[in-house]
């Protein structure tokens, strides 16, 4: 089986889908791995690293004869059209944002898998790219906020006086939010967190942070956040208006799969924050949790710095790539094991394969994506 890994640096992406250690595993398994030259440079992996582990370096992007293509981001239309019929593409697909790709995959009879649709189950944890990448994003968000903030985070007692600990609010206590809480706590900040899911309270408090609770009962105990009622949103806003002025750093992570991120920090709420405080909006790509967010930019409004990195994982690409590659390999291993038993992918009944399969045999197979 011939595999191809593309160089995504032209698209301002520093990560790579497969690391050298995974190339070695694939090669031992009998796969022939081709790498587009320079694919791992931004992540700290040289072409020679890949060659030493069994890869063949390709000086140009030519996967017309390859059976499987690995990528971090959705492929460009020109790349999809150059694939051979029956080829397999495994990557983050963002199908709700790239419906044209879905149609192109089907038209060109490409079998496509969306790693961002992997079910959030215990069995799928080893393949869950959303969790592994979100964890690093939450960590890096705190580090960047601490760097931008013009004061220290921990309580510091000196002969010249005492410096109080900085206060950090995390909005959204999913994987990214929980890692942000843990990181901010390790740096000595006073941390509080908010989430619409009541089940998050125990997790937040177990990390030593205070849970900001809204006095309004509305069930939302799923893995993902969901859209809430107008009454809840009003109660939420009222509570946050009381908490926000005390914060030095606010990190927002709230997102709803397939929809625009909820606007939680309104412009007038930002104006109540301390001068020189910092907001890191990790939901900027899907619209942002802050009304003033401009994706890919760091702006200042009313003395508050609002930071929206286009891809914060580009600031930590080495480890992000290593984890991504391990997730990809775990998924590919599951897929190939199932294909040995059932060569027709559309007949495989494994819930993970079924949940991530977008197109096969010229058809859109995923129920969530059919119109």
Protein backbone atom coordinates (compact mmCIF):
# COMPACT_ATOMS: atom_id res chain seq x y z
CA UNK A 1 0.00 0.00 0.00
CA UNK A 2 1.38 3.41 -1.02
CA UNK A 3 0.85 6.29 1.41
CA UNK A 4 1.49 9.99 0.79
CA UNK A 5 1.93 12.79 3.35
CA UNK A 6 1.60 16.35 2.05
CA UNK A 7 3.54 19.50 2.94
CA UNK A 8 1.01 21.98 4.34
CA UNK A 9 3.37 24.84 5.14
CA UNK A 10 2.11 26.81 2.12
CA UNK A 11 -1.23 27.04 3.90
CA UNK A 12 0.39 28.59 7.01
CA UNK A 13 0.20 25.23 8.76
CA UNK A 14 3.23 24.24 10.84
CA UNK A 15 2.00 20.76 11.74
CA UNK A 16 2.54 17.58 9.76
CA UNK A 17 0.18 14.59 9.73
CA UNK A 18 2.80 11.88 10.27
CA UNK A 19 5.93 11.95 12.44
CA UNK A 20 9.16 9.97 11.78
CA UNK A 21 8.37 7.44 14.52
CA UNK A 22 5.02 6.66 12.88
CA UNK A 23 6.70 6.29 9.48
CA UNK A 24 8.81 3.54 11.00
CA UNK A 25 5.70 1.71 12.23
CA UNK A 26 4.01 2.06 8.85
CA UNK A 27 7.11 0.81 7.03
CA UNK A 28 7.41 -2.20 9.33
CA UNK A 29 3.76 -2.91 8.58
CA UNK A 30 4.55 -3.19 4.88
CA UNK A 31 3.47 0.25 3.69
CA UNK A 32 5.49 2.39 1.29
CA UNK A 33 5.46 5.94 2.65
CA UNK A 34 6.06 8.96 0.42
CA UNK A 35 6.66 12.41 1.90
CA UNK A 36 6.45 15.71 0.12
CA UNK A 37 9.81 17.40 0.66
CA UNK A 38 9.87 19.78 3.64
CA UNK A 39 6.60 18.48 5.09
CA UNK A 40 8.01 18.25 8.60
CA UNK A 41 10.39 21.21 8.62
CA UNK A 42 8.15 23.57 10.59
CA UNK A 43 7.55 20.85 13.18
CA UNK A 44 11.25 20.17 13.65
CA UNK A 45 11.40 17.01 11.50
CA UNK A 46 13.82 17.02 8.58
CA UNK A 47 13.53 15.06 5.35
CA UNK A 48 16.47 12.99 6.57
CA UNK A 49 14.56 12.07 9.75
CA UNK A 50 11.87 10.57 7.55
CA UNK A 51 14.33 8.87 5.19
CA UNK A 52 16.08 7.21 8.15
CA UNK A 53 12.75 5.75 9.22
CA UNK A 54 11.89 4.33 5.81
CA UNK A 55 10.15 7.14 3.93
CA UNK A 56 10.74 8.16 0.32
CA UNK A 57 10.96 11.92 -0.23
CA UNK A 58 9.04 13.35 -3.17
CA UNK A 59 10.25 16.70 -4.52
CA UNK A 60 6.79 17.49 -5.88
CA UNK A 61 3.19 16.82 -4.89
CA UNK A 62 2.28 13.80 -6.95
CA UNK A 63 -0.02 11.35 -5.27
CA UNK A 64 -1.83 10.27 -8.41
CA UNK A 65 -0.70 6.68 -7.86
CA UNK A 66 -1.01 6.62 -4.05
CA UNK A 67 -3.61 4.57 -2.22
CA UNK A 68 -3.87 6.72 0.91
CA UNK A 69 -3.23 10.42 1.56
CA UNK A 70 -2.68 11.75 5.09
CA UNK A 71 -3.16 15.46 5.83
CA UNK A 72 -3.80 17.74 8.77
CA UNK A 73 -6.24 20.13 7.07
CA UNK A 74 -8.92 19.73 4.38
CA UNK A 75 -7.41 19.20 0.93
CA UNK A 76 -7.56 21.90 -1.72
CA UNK A 77 -9.89 21.29 -4.68
CA UNK A 78 -6.95 20.88 -7.05
CA UNK A 79 -5.52 18.13 -4.83
CA UNK A 80 -8.80 16.24 -4.69
CA UNK A 81 -9.10 16.28 -8.48
CA UNK A 82 -5.59 14.80 -8.83
CA UNK A 83 -6.34 11.71 -6.74
CA UNK A 84 -7.05 8.41 -8.40
CA UNK A 85 -10.50 6.88 -8.08
CA UNK A 86 -10.72 4.65 -5.01
CA UNK A 87 -7.97 6.51 -3.12
CA UNK A 88 -8.44 7.09 0.61
CA UNK A 89 -8.02 10.50 2.28
CA UNK A 90 -7.61 10.70 6.06
CA UNK A 91 -7.50 14.17 7.62
CA UNK A 92 -9.42 16.84 9.47
CA UNK A 93 -12.18 17.62 6.96
CA UNK A 94 -14.39 20.33 8.54
CA UNK A 95 -17.28 19.08 6.35
CA UNK A 96 -19.71 21.75 7.55
CA UNK A 97 -17.28 24.47 6.47
CA UNK A 98 -16.15 22.78 3.25
CA UNK A 99 -19.28 21.28 1.63
CA UNK A 100 -17.64 21.61 -1.79
CA UNK A 101 -14.98 19.07 -0.79
CA UNK A 102 -17.67 16.59 0.12
CA UNK A 103 -19.17 16.82 -3.36
CA UNK A 104 -15.73 16.62 -5.01
CA UNK A 105 -14.81 13.49 -3.06
CA UNK A 106 -18.05 11.83 -4.15
CA UNK A 107 -17.72 12.98 -7.77
CA UNK A 108 -14.14 11.66 -8.02
CA UNK A 109 -15.03 8.42 -6.21
CA UNK A 110 -12.65 9.14 -3.34
CA UNK A 111 -13.06 7.43 0.03
CA UNK A 112 -12.75 10.19 2.61
CA UNK A 113 -12.53 10.02 6.39
CA UNK A 114 -13.01 13.00 8.72
CA UNK A 115 -10.88 12.69 11.82
CA UNK A 116 -12.88 15.54 13.36
CA UNK A 117 -15.98 13.31 13.31
CA UNK A 118 -14.47 10.55 15.43
CA UNK A 119 -17.02 9.58 18.13
CA UNK A 120 -16.18 10.82 21.62
CA UNK A 121 -16.12 7.37 23.21
CA UNK A 122 -13.61 5.69 25.50
CA UNK A 123 -12.72 3.21 22.75
CA UNK A 124 -11.88 6.04 20.34
CA UNK A 125 -9.67 8.00 22.75
CA UNK A 126 -6.44 6.90 21.06
CA UNK A 127 -7.70 8.39 17.78
CA UNK A 128 -9.35 11.53 19.13
CA UNK A 129 -7.46 14.35 17.39
CA UNK A 130 -9.87 16.96 18.74
CA UNK A 131 -8.92 16.11 22.31
CA UNK A 132 -5.17 15.82 21.77
CA UNK A 133 -4.96 19.09 19.86
CA UNK A 134 -7.35 20.94 22.19
CA UNK A 135 -5.29 19.95 25.20
CA UNK A 136 -2.18 21.57 23.71
CA UNK A 137 -4.20 24.62 22.64
CA UNK A 138 -5.44 25.13 26.20
CA UNK A 139 -1.92 24.88 27.58
CA UNK A 140 -0.46 27.25 25.00
CA UNK A 141 -3.26 29.78 25.48
CA UNK A 142 -2.26 30.26 29.11
CA UNK A 143 1.44 30.51 28.26
CA UNK A 144 0.74 33.16 25.61
CA UNK A 145 -1.58 35.09 27.93
CA UNK A 146 1.07 35.08 30.66
CA UNK A 147 3.60 36.37 28.15
CA UNK A 148 1.33 39.20 26.96
CA UNK A 149 0.08 40.21 30.41
CA UNK A 150 2.20 42.99 31.93
CA UNK A 151 2.29 41.43 35.40
CA UNK A 152 3.23 38.15 37.06
CA UNK A 153 0.74 35.36 37.74
CA UNK A 154 1.69 33.88 41.15
CA UNK A 155 1.41 35.43 44.59
CA UNK A 156 4.89 36.79 45.31
CA UNK A 157 6.09 37.96 48.71
CA UNK A 158 9.22 40.11 48.76
CA UNK A 159 10.91 42.54 51.16
CA UNK A 160 9.56 45.31 48.92
CA UNK A 161 5.99 44.13 49.36
CA UNK A 162 3.53 41.48 48.25
CA UNK A 163 2.34 41.01 44.67
CA UNK A 164 -1.14 39.46 44.61
CA UNK A 165 -1.86 36.52 42.33
CA UNK A 166 -3.40 37.28 38.95
CA UNK A 167 -6.98 36.15 38.35
CA UNK A 168 -7.80 33.96 35.36
CA UNK A 169 -11.26 33.05 34.04
CA UNK A 170 -11.67 30.09 31.69
CA UNK A 171 -14.89 30.06 29.67
CA UNK A 172 -15.65 26.55 28.49
CA UNK A 173 -14.45 23.57 30.52
CA UNK A 174 -13.94 21.04 27.77
CA UNK A 175 -10.55 19.49 27.03
CA UNK A 176 -8.93 22.83 26.15
CA UNK A 177 -10.51 24.59 29.09
CA UNK A 178 -9.51 21.97 31.63
CA UNK A 179 -5.91 22.00 30.41
CA UNK A 180 -5.95 25.81 30.61
CA UNK A 181 -7.20 25.60 34.19
CA UNK A 182 -4.47 23.14 35.16
CA UNK A 183 -1.76 25.24 33.50
CA UNK A 184 -2.92 28.52 35.05
CA UNK A 185 -3.07 26.85 38.46
CA UNK A 186 0.47 25.51 38.08
CA UNK A 187 1.62 29.05 37.28
CA UNK A 188 0.09 30.25 40.55
CA UNK A 189 -2.96 32.16 39.32
CA UNK A 190 -6.34 32.29 41.04
CA UNK A 191 -8.52 30.44 38.57
CA UNK A 192 -12.26 30.30 38.03
CA UNK A 193 -14.16 28.66 35.20
CA UNK A 194 -17.57 28.70 33.58
CA UNK A 195 -19.35 26.08 31.48
CA UNK A 196 -22.98 25.57 30.49
CA UNK A 197 -22.69 21.88 31.36
CA UNK A 198 -23.42 21.29 35.03
CA UNK A 199 -21.32 18.11 34.93
CA UNK A 200 -18.23 20.28 34.40
CA UNK A 201 -18.43 21.65 37.94
CA UNK A 202 -16.86 18.58 39.53
CA UNK A 203 -14.03 18.52 36.97
CA UNK A 204 -13.30 22.23 37.44
CA UNK A 205 -13.22 21.97 41.22
CA UNK A 206 -11.04 18.85 41.12
CA UNK A 207 -8.36 21.00 39.46
CA UNK A 208 -8.52 23.56 42.24
CA UNK A 209 -10.52 26.21 40.38
CA UNK A 210 -13.78 27.89 41.37
CA UNK A 211 -16.83 27.06 39.26
CA UNK A 212 -18.89 30.08 38.18
CA UNK A 213 -22.42 28.77 38.52
CA UNK A 214 -25.49 30.27 36.88
CA UNK A 215 -28.60 30.15 39.05
CA UNK A 216 -30.77 28.86 36.24
CA UNK A 217 -31.61 25.19 35.79
CA UNK A 218 -31.27 23.93 32.24
CA UNK A 219 -30.09 20.45 31.37
CA UNK A 220 -26.91 20.18 29.32
CA UNK A 221 -24.85 17.23 30.45
CA UNK A 222 -23.60 15.96 27.11
CA UNK A 223 -20.01 15.72 25.90
CA UNK A 224 -20.48 18.81 23.76
CA UNK A 225 -22.04 22.12 24.67
CA UNK A 226 -25.34 22.92 22.98
CA UNK A 227 -27.25 26.08 22.23
CA UNK A 228 -29.08 27.34 25.32
CA UNK A 229 -32.40 29.13 25.76
CA UNK A 230 -32.70 32.92 25.79
CA UNK A 231 -33.54 32.79 29.51
CA UNK A 232 -30.37 30.88 30.28
CA UNK A 233 -28.24 33.21 28.17
CA UNK A 234 -29.61 36.21 30.07
CA UNK A 235 -28.82 34.59 33.42
CA UNK A 236 -25.37 33.61 32.15
CA UNK A 237 -24.61 37.14 30.97
CA UNK A 238 -25.75 38.62 34.27
CA UNK A 239 -23.45 36.29 36.21
CA UNK A 240 -20.46 36.89 33.97
CA UNK A 241 -20.90 40.66 34.19
CA UNK A 242 -20.27 40.31 37.92
CA UNK A 243 -17.13 38.19 37.45
CA UNK A 244 -15.41 39.68 34.40
CA UNK A 245 -14.26 43.05 35.87
CA UNK A 246 -12.11 41.20 38.44
CA UNK A 247 -10.12 39.18 35.88
CA UNK A 248 -6.63 39.78 34.52
CA UNK A 249 -6.87 37.03 31.90
CA UNK A 250 -9.89 35.49 30.20
CA UNK A 251 -9.49 32.45 27.95
CA UNK A 252 -12.54 31.44 25.91
CA UNK A 253 -12.91 27.96 24.43
CA UNK A 254 -16.68 27.56 23.92
CA UNK A 255 -17.67 26.02 20.59
CA UNK A 256 -20.66 24.14 19.19
CA UNK A 257 -19.84 21.53 16.50
CA UNK A 258 -20.99 22.61 13.04
CA UNK A 259 -22.20 26.02 14.21
CA UNK A 260 -20.90 29.50 14.91
CA UNK A 261 -19.23 29.86 18.29
CA UNK A 262 -21.53 31.52 20.85
CA UNK A 263 -20.80 35.18 21.55
CA UNK A 264 -20.26 35.28 25.32
CA UNK A 265 -18.17 38.42 25.81
CA UNK A 266 -19.98 41.44 24.43
CA UNK A 267 -18.17 44.66 23.60
CA UNK A 268 -19.50 46.53 26.62
CA UNK A 269 -18.45 43.66 28.90
CA UNK A 270 -14.88 43.96 27.62
CA UNK A 271 -14.91 47.66 28.49
CA UNK A 272 -15.44 46.76 32.17
CA UNK A 273 -12.20 44.76 32.36
CA UNK A 274 -9.02 46.02 33.97
CA UNK A 275 -6.69 48.03 31.81
CA UNK A 276 -3.89 45.86 30.32
CA UNK A 277 -5.86 42.66 30.89
CA UNK A 278 -5.82 39.95 28.21
CA UNK A 279 -8.40 37.87 26.35
CA UNK A 280 -7.34 34.77 24.41
CA UNK A 281 -10.18 33.62 22.13
CA UNK A 282 -9.62 30.01 21.09
CA UNK A 283 -12.95 29.94 19.25
CA UNK A 284 -11.95 32.69 16.80
CA UNK A 285 -11.93 30.40 13.74
CA UNK A 286 -15.62 29.67 14.19
CA UNK A 287 -16.56 33.30 14.82
CA UNK A 288 -15.18 33.87 18.30
CA UNK A 289 -16.64 33.98 21.81
CA UNK A 290 -15.80 37.68 22.07
CA UNK A 291 -17.81 40.14 20.00
CA UNK A 292 -14.66 42.14 19.22
CA UNK A 293 -12.51 39.19 18.11
CA UNK A 294 -10.74 39.44 14.75
CA UNK A 295 -9.40 36.05 13.72
CA UNK A 296 -5.64 35.99 13.22
CA UNK A 297 -5.11 39.35 14.92
CA UNK A 298 -4.17 40.82 18.28
CA UNK A 299 -6.12 44.02 18.82
CA UNK A 300 -6.52 46.41 21.74
CA UNK A 301 -9.87 47.84 22.80
CA UNK A 302 -10.43 49.96 25.91
CA UNK A 303 -6.96 48.98 27.13
CA UNK A 304 -7.72 45.24 26.81
CA UNK A 305 -5.68 43.05 24.45
CA UNK A 306 -7.88 40.61 22.51
CA UNK A 307 -5.81 37.82 20.97
CA UNK A 308 -7.19 35.53 18.29
CA UNK A 309 -4.47 33.30 16.87
CA UNK A 310 -5.45 31.89 13.48
CA UNK A 311 -3.92 28.59 14.59
CA UNK A 312 -2.43 28.57 18.07
CA UNK A 313 -1.08 25.06 17.45
CA UNK A 314 1.38 26.61 15.00
CA UNK A 315 3.12 27.92 18.13
CA UNK A 316 3.69 24.39 19.42
CA UNK A 317 3.89 22.32 16.21
CA UNK A 318 6.41 19.67 17.29
CA UNK A 319 4.30 18.12 20.03
CA UNK A 320 1.04 18.88 18.20
CA UNK A 321 2.33 16.89 15.22
CA UNK A 322 3.55 14.02 17.39
CA UNK A 323 0.15 13.61 19.03
CA UNK A 324 -1.72 14.10 15.76
CA UNK A 325 0.43 11.42 14.12
CA UNK A 326 -0.28 8.94 16.91
CA UNK A 327 -4.01 9.58 16.55
CA UNK A 328 -3.79 9.10 12.78
CA UNK A 329 -1.85 5.85 13.14
CA UNK A 330 -4.34 4.44 15.65
CA UNK A 331 -7.19 5.20 13.26
CA UNK A 332 -5.36 3.82 10.23
CA UNK A 333 -4.49 0.65 12.12
CA UNK A 334 -8.16 0.14 13.02
CA UNK A 335 -9.19 0.79 9.42
CA UNK A 336 -6.71 -1.67 7.89
CA UNK A 337 -7.63 -4.36 10.42
CA UNK A 338 -11.26 -4.02 9.44
CA UNK A 339 -10.43 -3.97 5.71
CA UNK A 340 -8.71 -7.35 6.04
CA UNK A 341 -12.02 -8.80 7.25
CA UNK A 342 -14.20 -6.71 4.91
CA UNK A 343 -12.50 -5.15 1.84
CA UNK A 344 -15.64 -3.14 1.01
CA UNK A 345 -15.33 -0.18 3.38
CA UNK A 346 -19.03 0.68 3.07
CA UNK A 347 -19.90 -2.67 4.69
CA UNK A 348 -17.66 -2.27 7.74
CA UNK A 349 -19.91 -1.92 10.79
CA UNK A 350 -17.36 -0.57 13.29
CA UNK A 351 -18.91 2.55 14.89
CA UNK A 352 -15.68 4.56 14.57
CA UNK A 353 -15.25 3.76 10.87
CA UNK A 354 -18.92 4.40 10.16
CA UNK A 355 -18.91 7.67 12.12
CA UNK A 356 -15.89 9.12 10.30
CA UNK A 357 -16.55 7.87 6.75
CA UNK A 358 -17.81 10.77 4.61
CA UNK A 359 -17.77 9.42 1.05
CA UNK A 360 -17.21 6.07 -0.66
CA UNK A 361 -17.95 4.66 -4.09
CA UNK A 362 -19.14 7.98 -5.46
CA UNK A 363 -21.69 8.55 -2.68
CA UNK A 364 -21.96 10.59 0.52
CA UNK A 365 -22.29 7.85 3.13
CA UNK A 366 -22.39 9.79 6.40
CA UNK A 367 -25.91 10.34 7.71
CA UNK A 368 -24.92 13.57 9.46
CA UNK A 369 -23.73 15.07 6.17
CA UNK A 370 -26.53 14.04 3.86
CA UNK A 371 -28.93 16.84 2.91
